[in-house]
Amino acid sequence: MLAALLALAACAGPRPKALAVLHYQHVANAHEIRFTNPIALSAALYRVGHLSPVDSEGFWAVFVLCNVDVTEGARRGFHYNVNQFRVSHEGREFGGLPPYSLRYQGQVDLNNAGDTLPILDAIAAEIQEGPHEQIFHTGFYPDLNYRFAIFVPKALVNYAGEELKLSYKGQPAILVGNGKPPSDLPAVGGSAGGVAAACVPPLP
């Protein structure tokens, strides 16, 4: 499988040689993040218990990394960093947390640049499974089930709830989804319902 995917990538054009193949599942789109422990943020005079996108069509795309297959050519290994993932859709990429894109508890208060790190840390505490960073050396790593979320601040053009494509900014890699469509969840974290934490077999 690894050799076949690398061969296909080589035929696509003169791009850097992929160091790894990452298989993932897009498990959910969530429209609100709730915190088990409300957090203090500079843009609010109260502890914030939940966040929602300013744009009502925004959401968090939640993914699970199923396995990683690192090539023999990756002499220093493949550096996994959850912040390097992006959602790719119709020529655009989404990742990070833009200022003034989140509303605190349905109020008029919006996130500012100074609140970015505490918000990302709080979201990771509710959703993320697995390490923030890891070095994968040559070999196959099955059943990882590393979960993380990427914020999509606005509606996606021509998107009907299908699996979204992931890309990786850190090192050359091939990312392959398992074809399963995500669940659409009104909220995750805190008092909300859970979200899938493990990959299922890919569609045939």
C-alpha atoms as a PDB file:
ATOM      1  CA  MET A   1       0.000   0.000   0.000  1.00  0.00           C
ATOM      2  CA  LEU A   2       2.747   2.465   0.943  1.00  0.00           C
ATOM      3  CA  ALA A   3       4.708   1.769  -2.240  1.00  0.00           C
ATOM      4  CA  ALA A   4       1.611   2.193  -4.418  1.00  0.00           C
ATOM      5  CA  LEU A   5       0.685   5.527  -2.847  1.00  0.00           C
ATOM      6  CA  LEU A   6       4.221   6.836  -3.161  1.00  0.00           C
ATOM      7  CA  ALA A   7       4.308   5.791  -6.823  1.00  0.00           C
ATOM      8  CA  LEU A   8       1.066   7.656  -7.505  1.00  0.00           C
ATOM      9  CA  ALA A   9       2.447  10.738  -5.778  1.00  0.00           C
ATOM     10  CA  ALA A  10       5.587  10.599  -7.898  1.00  0.00           C
ATOM     11  CA  CYS A  11       3.487  10.582 -11.067  1.00  0.00           C
ATOM     12  CA  ALA A  12       1.633  13.710  -9.963  1.00  0.00           C
ATOM     13  CA  GLY A  13       4.601  15.996 -10.583  1.00  0.00           C
ATOM     14  CA  PRO A  14       7.961  17.202  -9.252  1.00  0.00           C
ATOM     15  CA  ARG A  15       7.010  17.678  -5.615  1.00  0.00           C
ATOM     16  CA  PRO A  16       9.149  16.793  -2.573  1.00  0.00           C
ATOM     17  CA  LYS A  17       9.185  13.067  -1.912  1.00  0.00           C
ATOM     18  CA  ALA A  18       6.651  12.069   0.715  1.00  0.00           C
ATOM     19  CA  LEU A  19       8.173  10.857   3.960  1.00  0.00           C
ATOM     20  CA  ALA A  20       5.031   9.213   5.285  1.00  0.00           C
ATOM     21  CA  VAL A  21       1.503   8.107   4.494  1.00  0.00           C
ATOM     22  CA  LEU A  22      -1.075   9.133   7.088  1.00  0.00           C
ATOM     23  CA  HIS A  23      -4.487   7.472   7.171  1.00  0.00           C
ATOM     24  CA  TYR A  24      -7.274   9.338   8.922  1.00  0.00           C
ATOM     25  CA  GLN A  25     -11.005   9.451   9.536  1.00  0.00           C
ATOM     26  CA  HIS A  26     -13.080  12.635   9.589  1.00  0.00           C
ATOM     27  CA  VAL A  27     -15.331  11.669  12.499  1.00  0.00           C
ATOM     28  CA  ALA A  28     -17.439  14.768  13.172  1.00  0.00           C
ATOM     29  CA  ASN A  29     -18.321  18.376  12.465  1.00  0.00           C
ATOM     30  CA  ALA A  30     -19.095  20.159  15.741  1.00  0.00           C
ATOM     31  CA  HIS A  31     -20.806  23.541  16.002  1.00  0.00           C
ATOM     32  CA  GLU A  32     -20.026  24.356  19.626  1.00  0.00           C
ATOM     33  CA  ILE A  33     -17.244  23.533  22.087  1.00  0.00           C
ATOM     34  CA  ARG A  34     -18.185  23.159  25.750  1.00  0.00           C
ATOM     35  CA  PHE A  35     -15.636  23.197  28.548  1.00  0.00           C
ATOM     36  CA  THR A  36     -15.710  20.894  31.543  1.00  0.00           C
ATOM     37  CA  ASN A  37     -14.048  23.706  33.494  1.00  0.00           C
ATOM     38  CA  PRO A  38     -14.928  27.231  32.267  1.00  0.00           C
ATOM     39  CA  ILE A  39     -11.849  29.206  31.268  1.00  0.00           C
ATOM     40  CA  ALA A  40     -10.680  32.756  31.983  1.00  0.00           C
ATOM     41  CA  LEU A  41     -10.108  34.851  28.853  1.00  0.00           C
ATOM     42  CA  SER A  42      -8.978  38.451  28.528  1.00  0.00           C
ATOM     43  CA  ALA A  43     -11.862  39.440  26.250  1.00  0.00           C
ATOM     44  CA  ALA A  44     -14.507  38.419  28.808  1.00  0.00           C
ATOM     45  CA  LEU A  45     -15.248  39.500  32.385  1.00  0.00           C
ATOM     46  CA  TYR A  46     -16.530  36.016  33.207  1.00  0.00           C
ATOM     47  CA  ARG A  47     -15.259  32.471  32.889  1.00  0.00           C
ATOM     48  CA  VAL A  48     -16.244  31.128  29.488  1.00  0.00           C
ATOM     49  CA  GLY A  49     -18.123  27.841  29.451  1.00  0.00           C
ATOM     50  CA  HIS A  50     -18.626  27.387  25.719  1.00  0.00           C
ATOM     51  CA  LEU A  51     -17.620  28.774  22.328  1.00  0.00           C
ATOM     52  CA  SER A  52     -19.389  28.953  18.992  1.00  0.00           C
ATOM     53  CA  PRO A  53     -18.391  30.408  15.607  1.00  0.00           C
ATOM     54  CA  VAL A  54     -19.436  33.978  14.843  1.00  0.00           C
ATOM     55  CA  ASP A  55     -20.555  32.695  11.452  1.00  0.00           C
ATOM     56  CA  SER A  56     -23.417  30.285  12.078  1.00  0.00           C
ATOM     57  CA  GLU A  57     -22.101  28.012   9.311  1.00  0.00           C
ATOM     58  CA  GLY A  58     -18.670  27.637  10.903  1.00  0.00           C
ATOM     59  CA  PHE A  59     -17.654  24.438  12.695  1.00  0.00           C
ATOM     60  CA  TRP A  60     -14.828  22.354  14.094  1.00  0.00           C
ATOM     61  CA  ALA A  61     -13.862  19.437  11.860  1.00  0.00           C
ATOM     62  CA  VAL A  62     -12.790  16.597  14.149  1.00  0.00           C
ATOM     63  CA  PHE A  63     -10.351  13.997  12.830  1.00  0.00           C
ATOM     64  CA  VAL A  64      -8.776  10.792  14.088  1.00  0.00           C
ATOM     65  CA  LEU A  65      -5.339   9.783  12.831  1.00  0.00           C
ATOM     66  CA  CYS A  66      -5.632   6.036  12.266  1.00  0.00           C
ATOM     67  CA  ASN A  67      -2.094   4.994  11.365  1.00  0.00           C
ATOM     68  CA  VAL A  68       1.219   6.299  10.064  1.00  0.00           C
ATOM     69  CA  ASP A  69       3.544   4.549   7.613  1.00  0.00           C
ATOM     70  CA  VAL A  70       6.999   6.161   7.441  1.00  0.00           C
ATOM     71  CA  THR A  71       9.279   5.478   4.475  1.00  0.00           C
ATOM     72  CA  GLU A  72      12.829   4.204   4.716  1.00  0.00           C
ATOM     73  CA  GLY A  73      13.983   7.488   3.212  1.00  0.00           C
ATOM     74  CA  ALA A  74      12.889   9.463   6.283  1.00  0.00           C
ATOM     75  CA  ARG A  75      16.298   9.435   7.951  1.00  0.00           C
ATOM     76  CA  ARG A  76      15.273  11.785  10.729  1.00  0.00           C
ATOM     77  CA  GLY A  77      11.802  10.344  10.964  1.00  0.00           C
ATOM     78  CA  PHE A  78       8.476  12.037  10.410  1.00  0.00           C
ATOM     79  CA  HIS A  79       7.714  14.913  12.781  1.00  0.00           C
ATOM     80  CA  TYR A  80       4.040  14.764  13.742  1.00  0.00           C
ATOM     81  CA  ASN A  81       2.709  18.075  15.044  1.00  0.00           C
ATOM     82  CA  VAL A  82      -1.026  18.523  15.439  1.00  0.00           C
ATOM     83  CA  ASN A  83      -0.770  22.238  14.576  1.00  0.00           C
ATOM     84  CA  GLN A  84       0.516  21.435  11.092  1.00  0.00           C
ATOM     85  CA  PHE A  85      -2.721  19.872   9.847  1.00  0.00           C
ATOM     86  CA  ARG A  86      -5.025  21.858   7.583  1.00  0.00           C
ATOM     87  CA  VAL A  87      -8.453  21.261   6.090  1.00  0.00           C
ATOM     88  CA  SER A  88      -8.272  21.558   2.298  1.00  0.00           C
ATOM     89  CA  HIS A  89     -11.412  22.343   0.326  1.00  0.00           C
ATOM     90  CA  GLU A  90     -11.758  23.649  -3.226  1.00  0.00           C
ATOM     91  CA  GLY A  91      -8.335  25.259  -3.299  1.00  0.00           C
ATOM     92  CA  ARG A  92      -8.493  26.811   0.177  1.00  0.00           C
ATOM     93  CA  GLU A  93      -6.862  25.726   3.425  1.00  0.00           C
ATOM     94  CA  PHE A  94      -8.175  26.223   6.933  1.00  0.00           C
ATOM     95  CA  GLY A  95      -6.325  25.958  10.225  1.00  0.00           C
ATOM     96  CA  GLY A  96      -5.426  27.954  13.294  1.00  0.00           C
ATOM     97  CA  LEU A  97      -7.785  30.371  15.024  1.00  0.00           C
ATOM     98  CA  PRO A  98      -8.468  33.765  13.406  1.00  0.00           C
ATOM     99  CA  PRO A  99      -9.213  36.636  15.829  1.00  0.00           C
ATOM    100  CA  TYR A 100     -12.865  37.693  16.142  1.00  0.00           C
ATOM    101  CA  SER A 101     -14.150  34.408  14.714  1.00  0.00           C
ATOM    102  CA  LEU A 102     -15.551  32.943  17.972  1.00  0.00           C
ATOM    103  CA  ARG A 103     -18.357  34.100  20.218  1.00  0.00           C
ATOM    104  CA  TYR A 104     -18.165  33.537  23.975  1.00  0.00           C
ATOM    105  CA  GLN A 105     -21.272  31.871  25.423  1.00  0.00           C
ATOM    106  CA  GLY A 106     -23.518  33.451  22.803  1.00  0.00           C
ATOM    107  CA  GLN A 107     -22.610  36.938  24.050  1.00  0.00           C
ATOM    108  CA  VAL A 108     -21.190  39.932  22.172  1.00  0.00           C
ATOM    109  CA  ASP A 109     -17.644  39.134  23.361  1.00  0.00           C
ATOM    110  CA  LEU A 110     -15.354  37.753  20.647  1.00  0.00           C
ATOM    111  CA  ASN A 111     -11.934  36.138  20.753  1.00  0.00           C
ATOM    112  CA  ASN A 112      -8.861  38.312  20.339  1.00  0.00           C
ATOM    113  CA  ALA A 113      -5.286  37.397  19.405  1.00  0.00           C
ATOM    114  CA  GLY A 114      -4.215  37.339  23.053  1.00  0.00           C
ATOM    115  CA  ASP A 115      -6.714  34.601  23.843  1.00  0.00           C
ATOM    116  CA  THR A 116      -5.614  32.278  21.034  1.00  0.00           C
ATOM    117  CA  LEU A 117      -3.312  30.004  23.040  1.00  0.00           C
ATOM    118  CA  PRO A 118      -5.586  29.533  26.077  1.00  0.00           C
ATOM    119  CA  ILE A 119      -8.528  28.796  23.765  1.00  0.00           C
ATOM    120  CA  LEU A 120      -6.563  26.254  21.732  1.00  0.00           C
ATOM    121  CA  ASP A 121      -5.281  24.612  24.919  1.00  0.00           C
ATOM    122  CA  ALA A 122      -8.802  24.407  26.354  1.00  0.00           C
ATOM    123  CA  ILE A 123     -10.210  22.915  23.145  1.00  0.00           C
ATOM    124  CA  ALA A 124      -7.384  20.367  23.054  1.00  0.00           C
ATOM    125  CA  ALA A 125      -8.146  19.396  26.660  1.00  0.00           C
ATOM    126  CA  GLU A 126     -11.724  18.577  25.656  1.00  0.00           C
ATOM    127  CA  ILE A 127     -11.154  16.918  22.277  1.00  0.00           C
ATOM    128  CA  GLN A 128      -7.560  15.960  21.628  1.00  0.00           C
ATOM    129  CA  GLU A 129      -6.307  12.423  22.152  1.00  0.00           C
ATOM    130  CA  GLY A 130      -2.663  11.510  21.705  1.00  0.00           C
ATOM    131  CA  PRO A 131       0.441  13.688  21.920  1.00  0.00           C
ATOM    132  CA  HIS A 132       0.790  17.195  20.580  1.00  0.00           C
ATOM    133  CA  GLU A 133       4.054  16.229  18.877  1.00  0.00           C
ATOM    134  CA  GLN A 134       5.831  12.964  18.136  1.00  0.00           C
ATOM    135  CA  ILE A 135       8.692  11.670  16.000  1.00  0.00           C
ATOM    136  CA  PHE A 136       7.775   8.578  13.976  1.00  0.00           C
ATOM    137  CA  HIS A 137      10.786   6.670  12.692  1.00  0.00           C
ATOM    138  CA  THR A 138      10.745   4.312   9.717  1.00  0.00           C
ATOM    139  CA  GLY A 139       8.003   1.717  10.052  1.00  0.00           C
ATOM    140  CA  PHE A 140       4.264   1.220  10.339  1.00  0.00           C
ATOM    141  CA  TYR A 141       2.320   2.525  13.345  1.00  0.00           C
ATOM    142  CA  PRO A 142      -1.217   1.067  13.486  1.00  0.00           C
ATOM    143  CA  ASP A 143      -4.202   1.866  15.699  1.00  0.00           C
ATOM    144  CA  LEU A 144      -2.980   5.282  16.817  1.00  0.00           C
ATOM    145  CA  ASN A 145      -6.399   6.921  17.167  1.00  0.00           C
ATOM    146  CA  TYR A 146      -4.934  10.396  17.721  1.00  0.00           C
ATOM    147  CA  ARG A 147      -7.866  12.814  17.709  1.00  0.00           C
ATOM    148  CA  PHE A 148      -7.771  16.558  17.021  1.00  0.00           C
ATOM    149  CA  ALA A 149      -9.980  19.366  15.726  1.00  0.00           C
ATOM    150  CA  ILE A 150      -9.480  22.024  13.049  1.00  0.00           C
ATOM    151  CA  PHE A 151     -11.587  25.172  13.070  1.00  0.00           C
ATOM    152  CA  VAL A 152     -13.413  26.113   9.868  1.00  0.00           C
ATOM    153  CA  PRO A 153     -14.684  29.652  10.542  1.00  0.00           C
ATOM    154  CA  LYS A 154     -17.168  29.989   7.685  1.00  0.00           C
ATOM    155  CA  ALA A 155     -19.388  27.946   5.418  1.00  0.00           C
ATOM    156  CA  LEU A 156     -17.542  25.878   2.826  1.00  0.00           C
ATOM    157  CA  VAL A 157     -18.598  26.364  -0.776  1.00  0.00           C
ATOM    158  CA  ASN A 158     -20.333  23.309  -2.254  1.00  0.00           C
ATOM    159  CA  TYR A 159     -19.928  21.309   0.946  1.00  0.00           C
ATOM    160  CA  ALA A 160     -22.662  18.797   1.762  1.00  0.00           C
ATOM    161  CA  GLY A 161     -21.256  17.033   4.821  1.00  0.00           C
ATOM    162  CA  GLU A 162     -18.886  14.595   3.134  1.00  0.00           C
ATOM    163  CA  GLU A 163     -15.401  13.689   4.350  1.00  0.00           C
ATOM    164  CA  LEU A 164     -13.048  16.676   4.203  1.00  0.00           C
ATOM    165  CA  LYS A 165      -9.492  16.409   2.942  1.00  0.00           C
ATOM    166  CA  LEU A 166      -6.553  16.906   5.267  1.00  0.00           C
ATOM    167  CA  SER A 167      -3.180  18.325   4.294  1.00  0.00           C
ATOM    168  CA  TYR A 168       0.028  18.619   6.301  1.00  0.00           C
ATOM    169  CA  LYS A 169       2.313  21.652   6.384  1.00  0.00           C
ATOM    170  CA  GLY A 170       5.313  20.326   8.285  1.00  0.00           C
ATOM    171  CA  GLN A 171       6.916  17.703   6.032  1.00  0.00           C
ATOM    172  CA  PRO A 172       5.938  16.088   2.715  1.00  0.00           C
ATOM    173  CA  ALA A 173       3.254  13.495   3.402  1.00  0.00           C
ATOM    174  CA  ILE A 174       0.377  11.713   1.703  1.00  0.00           C
ATOM    175  CA  LEU A 175      -2.899  11.872   3.622  1.00  0.00           C
ATOM    176  CA  VAL A 176      -5.626   9.332   2.921  1.00  0.00           C
ATOM    177  CA  GLY A 177      -9.129   9.438   4.389  1.00  0.00           C
ATOM    178  CA  ASN A 178     -11.119   6.259   4.936  1.00  0.00           C
ATOM    179  CA  GLY A 179     -14.165   7.597   3.093  1.00  0.00           C
ATOM    180  CA  LYS A 180     -16.587   7.641   6.021  1.00  0.00           C
ATOM    181  CA  PRO A 181     -18.753  10.786   6.248  1.00  0.00           C
ATOM    182  CA  PRO A 182     -18.582  12.680   9.556  1.00  0.00           C
ATOM    183  CA  SER A 183     -21.334  12.988  12.133  1.00  0.00           C
ATOM    184  CA  ASP A 184     -22.884  16.444  12.477  1.00  0.00           C
ATOM    185  CA  LEU A 185     -22.933  17.366  16.168  1.00  0.00           C
ATOM    186  CA  PRO A 186     -24.457  20.469  17.754  1.00  0.00           C
ATOM    187  CA  ALA A 187     -21.795  20.451  20.491  1.00  0.00           C
ATOM    188  CA  VAL A 188     -18.854  18.465  21.861  1.00  0.00           C
ATOM    189  CA  GLY A 189     -16.889  18.559  25.096  1.00  0.00           C
ATOM    190  CA  GLY A 190     -18.032  19.280  28.641  1.00  0.00           C
ATOM    191  CA  SER A 191     -21.678  18.367  29.158  1.00  0.00           C
ATOM    192  CA  ALA A 192     -22.241  17.623  25.458  1.00  0.00           C
ATOM    193  CA  GLY A 193     -22.297  14.170  23.936  1.00  0.00           C
ATOM    194  CA  GLY A 194     -19.105  12.384  23.038  1.00  0.00           C
ATOM    195  CA  VAL A 195     -17.396  12.122  19.679  1.00  0.00           C
ATOM    196  CA  ALA A 196     -15.879   9.068  18.010  1.00  0.00           C
ATOM    197  CA  ALA A 197     -12.449   8.232  19.375  1.00  0.00           C
ATOM    198  CA  ALA A 198     -11.345   5.400  17.080  1.00  0.00           C
ATOM    199  CA  CYS A 199     -11.127   4.740  13.365  1.00  0.00           C
ATOM    200  CA  VAL A 200     -13.353   2.243  11.616  1.00  0.00           C
ATOM    201  CA  PRO A 201     -12.285   0.170   8.583  1.00  0.00           C
ATOM    202  CA  PRO A 202     -12.181   2.168   5.327  1.00  0.00           C
ATOM    203  CA  LEU A 203     -14.935   1.941   2.765  1.00  0.00           C
ATOM    204  CA  PRO A 204     -14.235  -0.672   0.060  1.00  0.00           C
END
